Full PDB file with SEQRES, HELIX, SHEET, SSBOND, CRYST1, ORIGX, SCALE, CONECT and MASTER records, all heavy atoms in Angstrom:
SEQRES   1 A   37  VAL LYS LEU VAL ARG PRO GLY ASP TYR GLU ILE SER VAL          
SEQRES   2 A   37  SER ARG GLU GLY PHE GLY ASP GLU LYS GLN GLN VAL THR          
SEQRES   3 A   37  ILE ARG ARG ASN ASP ALA ALA ARG ILE LEU MET                  
SHEET    1 AA1 2 GLY A   7  VAL A  13  0                                        
SHEET    2 AA1 2 GLU A  21  ILE A  27 -1                                        
CRYST1    1.000    1.000    1.000  90.00  90.00  90.00 P 1           1          
ORIGX1      1.000000  0.000000  0.000000        0.00000                         
ORIGX2      0.000000  1.000000  0.000000        0.00000                         
ORIGX3      0.000000  0.000000  1.000000        0.00000                         
SCALE1      1.000000  0.000000  0.000000        0.00000                         
SCALE2      0.000000  1.000000  0.000000        0.00000                         
SCALE3      0.000000  0.000000  1.000000        0.00000                         
ATOM      1  N   VAL A   1      73.532-181.299  43.845  1.00  0.00           N  
ATOM      2  CA  VAL A   1      72.444-181.213  42.873  1.00  0.00           C  
ATOM      3  C   VAL A   1      72.078-182.624  42.410  1.00  0.00           C  
ATOM      4  O   VAL A   1      72.950-183.398  42.025  1.00  0.00           O  
ATOM      5  CB  VAL A   1      72.855-180.355  41.660  1.00  0.00           C  
ATOM      6  CG1 VAL A   1      71.711-180.275  40.653  1.00  0.00           C  
ATOM      7  CG2 VAL A   1      73.260-178.951  42.112  1.00  0.00           C  
ATOM      8  N   LYS A   2      70.791-182.947  42.448  1.00  0.00           N  
ATOM      9  CA  LYS A   2      70.325-184.280  42.057  1.00  0.00           C  
ATOM     10  C   LYS A   2      69.244-184.160  40.989  1.00  0.00           C  
ATOM     11  O   LYS A   2      68.297-183.387  41.139  1.00  0.00           O  
ATOM     12  CB  LYS A   2      69.771-185.034  43.261  1.00  0.00           C  
ATOM     13  CG  LYS A   2      69.286-186.456  42.934  1.00  0.00           C  
ATOM     14  CD  LYS A   2      68.811-187.170  44.173  1.00  0.00           C  
ATOM     15  CE  LYS A   2      68.252-188.552  43.838  1.00  0.00           C  
ATOM     16  NZ  LYS A   2      69.273-189.416  43.212  1.00  0.00           N  
ATOM     17  N   LEU A   3      69.403-184.937  39.903  1.00  0.00           N  
ATOM     18  CA  LEU A   3      68.370-185.004  38.871  1.00  0.00           C  
ATOM     19  C   LEU A   3      67.201-185.836  39.378  1.00  0.00           C  
ATOM     20  O   LEU A   3      67.407-186.920  39.944  1.00  0.00           O  
ATOM     21  CB  LEU A   3      68.926-185.637  37.591  1.00  0.00           C  
ATOM     22  CG  LEU A   3      69.771-184.754  36.670  1.00  0.00           C  
ATOM     23  CD1 LEU A   3      70.429-185.602  35.596  1.00  0.00           C  
ATOM     24  CD2 LEU A   3      68.909-183.669  36.027  1.00  0.00           C  
ATOM     25  N   VAL A   4      66.003-185.350  39.207  1.00  0.00           N  
ATOM     26  CA  VAL A   4      64.813-186.072  39.667  1.00  0.00           C  
ATOM     27  C   VAL A   4      63.711-185.984  38.622  1.00  0.00           C  
ATOM     28  O   VAL A   4      63.724-185.116  37.753  1.00  0.00           O  
ATOM     29  CB  VAL A   4      64.290-185.517  41.013  1.00  0.00           C  
ATOM     30  CG1 VAL A   4      65.285-185.740  42.128  1.00  0.00           C  
ATOM     31  CG2 VAL A   4      63.932-184.037  40.879  1.00  0.00           C  
ATOM     32  N   ARG A   5      62.765-186.899  38.728  1.00  0.00           N  
ATOM     33  CA  ARG A   5      61.583-186.836  37.889  1.00  0.00           C  
ATOM     34  C   ARG A   5      60.582-185.876  38.516  1.00  0.00           C  
ATOM     35  O   ARG A   5      60.519-185.747  39.738  1.00  0.00           O  
ATOM     36  CB  ARG A   5      60.965-188.225  37.759  1.00  0.00           C  
ATOM     37  CG  ARG A   5      61.889-189.250  37.160  1.00  0.00           C  
ATOM     38  CD  ARG A   5      61.265-190.624  37.113  1.00  0.00           C  
ATOM     39  NE  ARG A   5      60.140-190.690  36.195  1.00  0.00           N  
ATOM     40  CZ  ARG A   5      59.534-191.822  35.842  1.00  0.00           C  
ATOM     41  NH1 ARG A   5      59.947-192.978  36.334  1.00  0.00           N  
ATOM     42  NH2 ARG A   5      58.532-191.802  35.005  1.00  0.00           N  
ATOM     43  N   PRO A   6      59.791-185.192  37.730  1.00  0.00           N  
ATOM     44  CA  PRO A   6      58.734-184.350  38.306  1.00  0.00           C  
ATOM     45  C   PRO A   6      57.784-185.190  39.147  1.00  0.00           C  
ATOM     46  O   PRO A   6      57.502-186.347  38.820  1.00  0.00           O  
ATOM     47  CB  PRO A   6      58.029-183.792  37.060  1.00  0.00           C  
ATOM     48  CG  PRO A   6      59.038-183.890  35.970  1.00  0.00           C  
ATOM     49  CD  PRO A   6      59.840-185.119  36.263  1.00  0.00           C  
ATOM     50  N   GLY A   7      57.320-184.620  40.246  1.00  0.00           N  
ATOM     51  CA  GLY A   7      56.398-185.349  41.109  1.00  0.00           C  
ATOM     52  C   GLY A   7      56.449-184.839  42.532  1.00  0.00           C  
ATOM     53  O   GLY A   7      57.085-183.821  42.839  1.00  0.00           O  
ATOM     54  N   ASP A   8      55.775-185.545  43.420  1.00  0.00           N  
ATOM     55  CA  ASP A   8      55.723-185.199  44.846  1.00  0.00           C  
ATOM     56  C   ASP A   8      56.761-186.005  45.607  1.00  0.00           C  
ATOM     57  O   ASP A   8      56.905-187.225  45.398  1.00  0.00           O  
ATOM     58  CB  ASP A   8      54.329-185.470  45.410  1.00  0.00           C  
ATOM     59  CG  ASP A   8      53.261-184.616  44.749  1.00  0.00           C  
ATOM     60  OD1 ASP A   8      53.577-183.459  44.394  1.00  0.00           O  
ATOM     61  OD2 ASP A   8      52.129-185.100  44.579  1.00  0.00           O  
ATOM     62  N   TYR A   9      57.462-185.333  46.521  1.00  0.00           N  
ATOM     63  CA  TYR A   9      58.523-185.976  47.288  1.00  0.00           C  
ATOM     64  C   TYR A   9      58.392-185.610  48.766  1.00  0.00           C  
ATOM     65  O   TYR A   9      57.877-184.542  49.113  1.00  0.00           O  
ATOM     66  CB  TYR A   9      59.905-185.534  46.788  1.00  0.00           C  
ATOM     67  CG  TYR A   9      60.241-186.011  45.397  1.00  0.00           C  
ATOM     68  CD1 TYR A   9      59.890-185.254  44.280  1.00  0.00           C  
ATOM     69  CD2 TYR A   9      60.906-187.216  45.200  1.00  0.00           C  
ATOM     70  CE1 TYR A   9      60.200-185.690  42.999  1.00  0.00           C  
ATOM     71  CE2 TYR A   9      61.228-187.660  43.921  1.00  0.00           C  
ATOM     72  CZ  TYR A   9      60.871-186.890  42.831  1.00  0.00           C  
ATOM     73  OH  TYR A   9      61.170-187.324  41.568  1.00  0.00           O  
ATOM     74  N   GLU A  10      58.906-186.512  49.610  1.00  0.00           N  
ATOM     75  CA  GLU A  10      59.004-186.227  51.039  1.00  0.00           C  
ATOM     76  C   GLU A  10      60.469-186.166  51.426  1.00  0.00           C  
ATOM     77  O   GLU A  10      61.237-187.092  51.138  1.00  0.00           O  
ATOM     78  CB  GLU A  10      58.298-187.300  51.871  1.00  0.00           C  
ATOM     79  CG  GLU A  10      58.383-187.005  53.379  1.00  0.00           C  
ATOM     80  CD  GLU A  10      57.720-188.079  54.228  1.00  0.00           C  
ATOM     81  OE1 GLU A  10      58.363-189.127  54.454  1.00  0.00           O  
ATOM     82  OE2 GLU A  10      56.568-187.864  54.647  1.00  0.00           O  
ATOM     83  N   ILE A  11      60.845-185.076  52.063  1.00  0.00           N  
ATOM     84  CA  ILE A  11      62.213-184.895  52.550  1.00  0.00           C  
ATOM     85  C   ILE A  11      62.218-185.116  54.053  1.00  0.00           C  
ATOM     86  O   ILE A  11      61.415-184.526  54.782  1.00  0.00           O  
ATOM     87  CB  ILE A  11      62.731-183.488  52.227  1.00  0.00           C  
ATOM     88  CG1 ILE A  11      62.636-183.210  50.722  1.00  0.00           C  
ATOM     89  CG2 ILE A  11      64.162-183.313  52.717  1.00  0.00           C  
ATOM     90  CD1 ILE A  11      62.822-181.750  50.372  1.00  0.00           C  
ATOM     91  N   SER A  12      63.109-185.971  54.523  1.00  0.00           N  
ATOM     92  CA  SER A  12      63.250-186.238  55.960  1.00  0.00           C  
ATOM     93  C   SER A  12      64.681-185.920  56.380  1.00  0.00           C  
ATOM     94  O   SER A  12      65.632-186.347  55.715  1.00  0.00           O  
ATOM     95  CB  SER A  12      62.939-187.706  56.278  1.00  0.00           C  
ATOM     96  OG  SER A  12      61.644-188.047  55.841  1.00  0.00           O  
ATOM     97  N   VAL A  13      64.817-185.172  57.463  1.00  0.00           N  
ATOM     98  CA  VAL A  13      66.136-184.771  57.953  1.00  0.00           C  
ATOM     99  C   VAL A  13      66.221-185.077  59.445  1.00  0.00           C  
ATOM    100  O   VAL A  13      65.291-184.793  60.203  1.00  0.00           O  
ATOM    101  CB  VAL A  13      66.395-183.271  57.713  1.00  0.00           C  
ATOM    102  CG1 VAL A  13      67.795-182.884  58.170  1.00  0.00           C  
ATOM    103  CG2 VAL A  13      66.208-182.923  56.239  1.00  0.00           C  
ATOM    104  N   SER A  14      67.340-185.651  59.857  1.00  0.00           N  
ATOM    105  CA  SER A  14      67.510-185.977  61.278  1.00  0.00           C  
ATOM    106  C   SER A  14      68.984-185.892  61.658  1.00  0.00           C  
ATOM    107  O   SER A  14      69.875-186.013  60.806  1.00  0.00           O  
ATOM    108  CB  SER A  14      66.975-187.380  61.587  1.00  0.00           C  
ATOM    109  OG  SER A  14      67.693-188.355  60.855  1.00  0.00           O  
ATOM    110  N   ARG A  15      69.202-185.654  62.932  1.00  0.00           N  
ATOM    111  CA  ARG A  15      70.551-185.666  63.506  1.00  0.00           C  
ATOM    112  C   ARG A  15      70.418-185.806  65.006  1.00  0.00           C  
ATOM    113  O   ARG A  15      69.507-185.230  65.617  1.00  0.00           O  
ATOM    114  CB  ARG A  15      71.325-184.391  63.165  1.00  0.00           C  
ATOM    115  CG  ARG A  15      72.793-184.432  63.622  1.00  0.00           C  
ATOM    116  CD  ARG A  15      73.474-183.093  63.401  1.00  0.00           C  
ATOM    117  NE  ARG A  15      74.880-183.127  63.671  1.00  0.00           N  
ATOM    118  CZ  ARG A  15      75.425-183.007  64.893  1.00  0.00           C  
ATOM    119  NH1 ARG A  15      74.625-182.849  65.945  1.00  0.00           N  
ATOM    120  NH2 ARG A  15      76.733-183.043  65.059  1.00  0.00           N  
ATOM    121  N   GLU A  16      71.322-186.546  65.596  1.00  0.00           N  
ATOM    122  CA  GLU A  16      71.285-186.744  67.045  1.00  0.00           C  
ATOM    123  C   GLU A  16      71.399-185.399  67.766  1.00  0.00           C  
ATOM    124  O   GLU A  16      72.237-184.560  67.432  1.00  0.00           O  
ATOM    125  CB  GLU A  16      72.431-187.660  67.481  1.00  0.00           C  
ATOM    126  CG  GLU A  16      72.407-188.001  68.969  1.00  0.00           C  
ATOM    127  CD  GLU A  16      73.529-188.941  69.367  1.00  0.00           C  
ATOM    128  OE1 GLU A  16      74.303-189.348  68.490  1.00  0.00           O  
ATOM    129  OE2 GLU A  16      73.631-189.254  70.563  1.00  0.00           O  
ATOM    130  N   GLY A  17      70.508-185.198  68.745  1.00  0.00           N  
ATOM    131  CA  GLY A  17      70.524-183.960  69.513  1.00  0.00           C  
ATOM    132  C   GLY A  17      69.657-182.864  68.936  1.00  0.00           C  
ATOM    133  O   GLY A  17      69.515-181.801  69.543  1.00  0.00           O  
ATOM    134  N   PHE A  18      69.064-183.131  67.754  1.00  0.00           N  
ATOM    135  CA  PHE A  18      68.227-182.133  67.096  1.00  0.00           C  
ATOM    136  C   PHE A  18      66.862-182.744  66.770  1.00  0.00           C  
ATOM    137  O   PHE A  18      66.735-183.960  66.605  1.00  0.00           O  
ATOM    138  CB  PHE A  18      68.881-181.649  65.793  1.00  0.00           C  
ATOM    139  CG  PHE A  18      70.115-180.822  65.999  1.00  0.00           C  
ATOM    140  CD1 PHE A  18      71.324-181.423  66.311  1.00  0.00           C  
ATOM    141  CD2 PHE A  18      70.078-179.443  65.887  1.00  0.00           C  
ATOM    142  CE1 PHE A  18      72.470-180.670  66.489  1.00  0.00           C  
ATOM    143  CE2 PHE A  18      71.210-178.672  66.059  1.00  0.00           C  
ATOM    144  CZ  PHE A  18      72.413-179.285  66.373  1.00  0.00           C  
ATOM    145  N   GLY A  19      65.858-181.906  66.685  1.00  0.00           N  
ATOM    146  CA  GLY A  19      64.536-182.370  66.321  1.00  0.00           C  
ATOM    147  C   GLY A  19      64.461-182.737  64.847  1.00  0.00           C  
ATOM    148  O   GLY A  19      65.055-182.071  64.004  1.00  0.00           O  
ATOM    149  N   ASP A  20      63.751-183.817  64.532  1.00  0.00           N  
ATOM    150  CA  ASP A  20      63.595-184.236  63.139  1.00  0.00           C  
ATOM    151  C   ASP A  20      62.727-183.240  62.378  1.00  0.00           C  
ATOM    152  O   ASP A  20      61.882-182.553  62.951  1.00  0.00           O  
ATOM    153  CB  ASP A  20      62.954-185.620  63.054  1.00  0.00           C  
ATOM    154  CG  ASP A  20      63.825-186.703  63.685  1.00  0.00           C  
ATOM    155  OD1 ASP A  20      65.012-186.421  63.939  1.00  0.00           O  
ATOM    156  OD2 ASP A  20      63.313-187.804  63.930  1.00  0.00           O  
ATOM    157  N   GLU A  21      62.931-183.172  61.078  1.00  0.00           N  
ATOM    158  CA  GLU A  21      62.123-182.313  60.209  1.00  0.00           C  
ATOM    159  C   GLU A  21      61.671-183.119  58.998  1.00  0.00           C  
ATOM    160  O   GLU A  21      62.431-183.929  58.455  1.00  0.00           O  
ATOM    161  CB  GLU A  21      62.923-181.101  59.733  1.00  0.00           C  
ATOM    162  CG  GLU A  21      63.200-180.063  60.805  1.00  0.00           C  
ATOM    163  CD  GLU A  21      62.026-179.122  61.024  1.00  0.00           C  
ATOM    164  OE1 GLU A  21      61.074-179.169  60.229  1.00  0.00           O  
ATOM    165  OE2 GLU A  21      62.083-178.341  61.990  1.00  0.00           O  
ATOM    166  N   LYS A  22      60.435-182.880  58.577  1.00  0.00           N  
ATOM    167  CA  LYS A  22      59.920-183.461  57.342  1.00  0.00           C  
ATOM    168  C   LYS A  22      59.263-182.368  56.527  1.00  0.00           C  
ATOM    169  O   LYS A  22      58.683-181.428  57.078  1.00  0.00           O  
ATOM    170  CB  LYS A  22      58.911-184.575  57.634  1.00  0.00           C  
ATOM    171  CG  LYS A  22      59.534-185.854  58.148  1.00  0.00           C  
ATOM    172  CD  LYS A  22      58.506-186.975  58.244  1.00  0.00           C  
ATOM    173  CE  LYS A  22      59.154-188.269  58.702  1.00  0.00           C  
ATOM    174  NZ  LYS A  22      58.176-189.390  58.775  1.00  0.00           N  
ATOM    175  N   GLN A  23      59.356-182.501  55.222  1.00  0.00           N  
ATOM    176  CA  GLN A  23      58.759-181.496  54.336  1.00  0.00           C  
ATOM    177  C   GLN A  23      58.284-182.164  53.055  1.00  0.00           C  
ATOM    178  O   GLN A  23      58.988-183.013  52.486  1.00  0.00           O  
ATOM    179  CB  GLN A  23      59.791-180.408  54.018  1.00  0.00           C  
ATOM    180  CG  GLN A  23      59.225-179.231  53.235  1.00  0.00           C  
ATOM    181  CD  GLN A  23      60.226-178.094  53.123  1.00  0.00           C  
ATOM    182  OE1 GLN A  23      61.054-177.893  53.992  1.00  0.00           O  
ATOM    183  NE2 GLN A  23      60.161-177.338  52.060  1.00  0.00           N  
ATOM    184  N   GLN A  24      57.096-181.806  52.629  1.00  0.00           N  
ATOM    185  CA  GLN A  24      56.549-182.293  51.367  1.00  0.00           C  
ATOM    186  C   GLN A  24      56.815-181.242  50.291  1.00  0.00           C  
ATOM    187  O   GLN A  24      56.555-180.063  50.502  1.00  0.00           O  
ATOM    188  CB  GLN A  24      55.045-182.542  51.490  1.00  0.00           C  
ATOM    189  CG  GLN A  24      54.643-183.499  52.611  1.00  0.00           C  
ATOM    190  CD  GLN A  24      54.990-184.935  52.304  1.00  0.00           C  
ATOM    191  OE1 GLN A  24      55.089-185.319  51.145  1.00  0.00           O  
ATOM    192  NE2 GLN A  24      55.162-185.735  53.334  1.00  0.00           N  
ATOM    193  N   VAL A  25      57.341-181.687  49.147  1.00  0.00           N  
ATOM    194  CA  VAL A  25      57.608-180.753  48.058  1.00  0.00           C  
ATOM    195  C   VAL A  25      57.059-181.320  46.748  1.00  0.00           C  
ATOM    196  O   VAL A  25      56.979-182.534  46.577  1.00  0.00           O  
ATOM    197  CB  VAL A  25      59.119-180.468  47.895  1.00  0.00           C  
ATOM    198  CG1 VAL A  25      59.675-179.785  49.125  1.00  0.00           C  
ATOM    199  CG2 VAL A  25      59.889-181.733  47.580  1.00  0.00           C  
ATOM    200  N   THR A  26      56.679-180.437  45.866  1.00  0.00           N  
ATOM    201  CA  THR A  26      56.238-180.813  44.524  1.00  0.00           C  
ATOM    202  C   THR A  26      57.238-180.260  43.522  1.00  0.00           C  
ATOM    203  O   THR A  26      57.487-179.052  43.488  1.00  0.00           O  
ATOM    204  CB  THR A  26      54.835-180.264  44.220  1.00  0.00           C  
ATOM    205  OG1 THR A  26      53.899-180.835  45.144  1.00  0.00           O  
ATOM    206  CG2 THR A  26      54.408-180.619  42.807  1.00  0.00           C  
ATOM    207  N   ILE A  27      57.825-181.149  42.741  1.00  0.00           N  
ATOM    208  CA  ILE A  27      58.810-180.761  41.742  1.00  0.00           C  
ATOM    209  C   ILE A  27      58.157-180.851  40.366  1.00  0.00           C  
ATOM    210  O   ILE A  27      57.600-181.880  39.997  1.00  0.00           O  
ATOM    211  CB  ILE A  27      60.053-181.684  41.789  1.00  0.00           C  
ATOM    212  CG1 ILE A  27      60.636-181.718  43.208  1.00  0.00           C  
ATOM    213  CG2 ILE A  27      61.092-181.224  40.783  1.00  0.00           C  
ATOM    214  CD1 ILE A  27      61.151-180.402  43.694  1.00  0.00           C  
ATOM    215  N   ARG A  28      58.232-179.769  39.628  1.00  0.00           N  
ATOM    216  CA  ARG A  28      57.642-179.724  38.292  1.00  0.00           C  
ATOM    217  C   ARG A  28      58.716-179.843  37.211  1.00  0.00           C  
ATOM    218  O   ARG A  28      59.898-179.675  37.489  1.00  0.00           O  
ATOM    219  CB  ARG A  28      56.842-178.422  38.111  1.00  0.00           C  
ATOM    220  CG  ARG A  28      55.640-178.329  39.044  1.00  0.00           C  
ATOM    221  CD  ARG A  28      54.894-177.017  38.898  1.00  0.00           C  
ATOM    222  NE  ARG A  28      53.687-176.994  39.705  1.00  0.00           N  
ATOM    223  CZ  ARG A  28      53.647-176.708  41.003  1.00  0.00           C  
ATOM    224  NH1 ARG A  28      54.784-176.416  41.644  1.00  0.00           N  
ATOM    225  NH2 ARG A  28      52.512-176.714  41.666  1.00  0.00           N  
ATOM    226  N   ARG A  29      58.268-180.122  36.028  1.00  0.00           N  
ATOM    227  CA  ARG A  29      59.182-180.289  34.902  1.00  0.00           C  
ATOM    228  C   ARG A  29      60.066-179.049  34.735  1.00  0.00           C  
ATOM    229  O   ARG A  29      59.593-177.916  34.785  1.00  0.00           O  
ATOM    230  CB  ARG A  29      58.371-180.535  33.624  1.00  0.00           C  
ATOM    231  CG  ARG A  29      59.211-180.780  32.383  1.00  0.00           C  
ATOM    232  CD  ARG A  29      58.300-181.056  31.193  1.00  0.00           C  
ATOM    233  NE  ARG A  29      59.052-181.150  29.958  1.00  0.00           N  
ATOM    234  CZ  ARG A  29      59.695-182.254  29.558  1.00  0.00           C  
ATOM    235  NH1 ARG A  29      59.623-183.354  30.292  1.00  0.00           N  
ATOM    236  NH2 ARG A  29      60.371-182.277  28.422  1.00  0.00           N  
ATOM    237  N   ASN A  30      61.359-179.300  34.568  1.00  0.00           N  
ATOM    238  CA  ASN A  30      62.380-178.259  34.372  1.00  0.00           C  
ATOM    239  C   ASN A  30      62.593-177.386  35.599  1.00  0.00           C  
ATOM    240  O   ASN A  30      63.253-176.349  35.502  1.00  0.00           O  
ATOM    241  CB  ASN A  30      62.030-177.377  33.163  1.00  0.00           C  
ATOM    242  CG  ASN A  30      62.003-178.154  31.860  1.00  0.00           C  
ATOM    243  OD1 ASN A  30      62.800-179.071  31.662  1.00  0.00           O  
ATOM    244  ND2 ASN A  30      61.075-177.816  30.977  1.00  0.00           N  
ATOM    245  N   ASP A  31      62.048-177.778  36.753  1.00  0.00           N  
ATOM    246  CA  ASP A  31      62.326-177.058  38.000  1.00  0.00           C  
ATOM    247  C   ASP A  31      63.797-177.202  38.383  1.00  0.00           C  
ATOM    248  O   ASP A  31      64.437-178.221  38.094  1.00  0.00           O  
ATOM    249  CB  ASP A  31      61.473-177.606  39.150  1.00  0.00           C  
ATOM    250  CG  ASP A  31      60.142-176.891  39.267  1.00  0.00           C  
ATOM    251  OD1 ASP A  31      59.905-175.953  38.493  1.00  0.00           O  
ATOM    252  OD2 ASP A  31      59.330-177.283  40.128  1.00  0.00           O  
ATOM    253  N   ALA A  32      64.306-176.179  39.044  1.00  0.00           N  
ATOM    254  CA  ALA A  32      65.620-176.256  39.688  1.00  0.00           C  
ATOM    255  C   ALA A  32      65.390-175.860  41.140  1.00  0.00           C  
ATOM    256  O   ALA A  32      65.693-174.738  41.558  1.00  0.00           O  
ATOM    257  CB  ALA A  32      66.622-175.339  39.001  1.00  0.00           C  
ATOM    258  N   ALA A  33      64.816-176.789  41.888  1.00  0.00           N  
ATOM    259  CA  ALA A  33      64.387-176.500  43.259  1.00  0.00           C  
ATOM    260  C   ALA A  33      65.589-176.446  44.199  1.00  0.00           C  
ATOM    261  O   ALA A  33      66.475-177.307  44.146  1.00  0.00           O  
ATOM    262  CB  ALA A  33      63.398-177.559  43.718  1.00  0.00           C  
ATOM    263  N   ARG A  34      65.594-175.429  45.046  1.00  0.00           N  
ATOM    264  CA  ARG A  34      66.628-175.293  46.090  1.00  0.00           C  
ATOM    265  C   ARG A  34      65.891-175.099  47.412  1.00  0.00           C  
ATOM    266  O   ARG A  34      65.202-174.104  47.602  1.00  0.00           O  
ATOM    267  CB  ARG A  34      67.542-174.113  45.794  1.00  0.00           C  
ATOM    268  CG  ARG A  34      68.739-173.997  46.750  1.00  0.00           C  
ATOM    269  CD  ARG A  34      69.674-172.883  46.266  1.00  0.00           C  
ATOM    270  NE  ARG A  34      70.878-172.817  47.068  1.00  0.00           N  
ATOM    271  CZ  ARG A  34      71.011-172.055  48.153  1.00  0.00           C  
ATOM    272  NH1 ARG A  34      69.988-171.306  48.544  1.00  0.00           N  
ATOM    273  NH2 ARG A  34      72.135-172.037  48.840  1.00  0.00           N  
ATOM    274  N   ILE A  35      66.047-176.067  48.299  1.00  0.00           N  
ATOM    275  CA  ILE A  35      65.257-176.090  49.531  1.00  0.00           C  
ATOM    276  C   ILE A  35      66.179-176.011  50.739  1.00  0.00           C  
ATOM    277  O   ILE A  35      67.126-176.793  50.867  1.00  0.00           O  
ATOM    278  CB  ILE A  35      64.396-177.361  49.589  1.00  0.00           C  
ATOM    279  CG1 ILE A  35      63.420-177.359  48.402  1.00  0.00           C  
ATOM    280  CG2 ILE A  35      63.649-177.453  50.910  1.00  0.00           C  
ATOM    281  CD1 ILE A  35      62.689-178.650  48.214  1.00  0.00           C  
ATOM    282  N   LEU A  36      65.890-175.041  51.614  1.00  0.00           N  
ATOM    283  CA  LEU A  36      66.665-174.870  52.844  1.00  0.00           C  
ATOM    284  C   LEU A  36      65.901-175.471  54.013  1.00  0.00           C  
ATOM    285  O   LEU A  36      64.692-175.266  54.152  1.00  0.00           O  
ATOM    286  CB  LEU A  36      66.920-173.386  53.118  1.00  0.00           C  
ATOM    287  CG  LEU A  36      68.135-172.735  52.450  1.00  0.00           C  
ATOM    288  CD1 LEU A  36      67.992-172.724  50.947  1.00  0.00           C  
ATOM    289  CD2 LEU A  36      68.345-171.324  52.993  1.00  0.00           C  
ATOM    290  N   MET A  37      66.615-176.207  54.854  1.00  0.00           N  
ATOM    291  CA  MET A  37      66.032-176.767  56.071  1.00  0.00           C  
ATOM    292  C   MET A  37      67.060-176.657  57.189  1.00  0.00           C  
ATOM    293  O   MET A  37      68.266-176.822  56.957  1.00  0.00           O  
ATOM    294  CB  MET A  37      65.609-178.231  55.868  1.00  0.00           C  
ATOM    295  CG  MET A  37      64.546-178.423  54.795  1.00  0.00           C  
ATOM    296  SD  MET A  37      64.101-180.160  54.505  1.00  0.00           S  
ATOM    297  CE  MET A  37      63.265-180.549  56.062  1.00  0.00           C  
TER     298      MET A  37                                                      
MASTER        0    0    0    0    2    0    0    6  297    1    0    3          
END                                                                             
């Protein structure tokens, strides 16, 4: 769990042998976002 400021974020995920993934998310005030990739 990471504390963040509200706003727009880009998540990038990579690992050798697997295709990279990117996702844009918007975090709002008091959100408790849980994102599966």
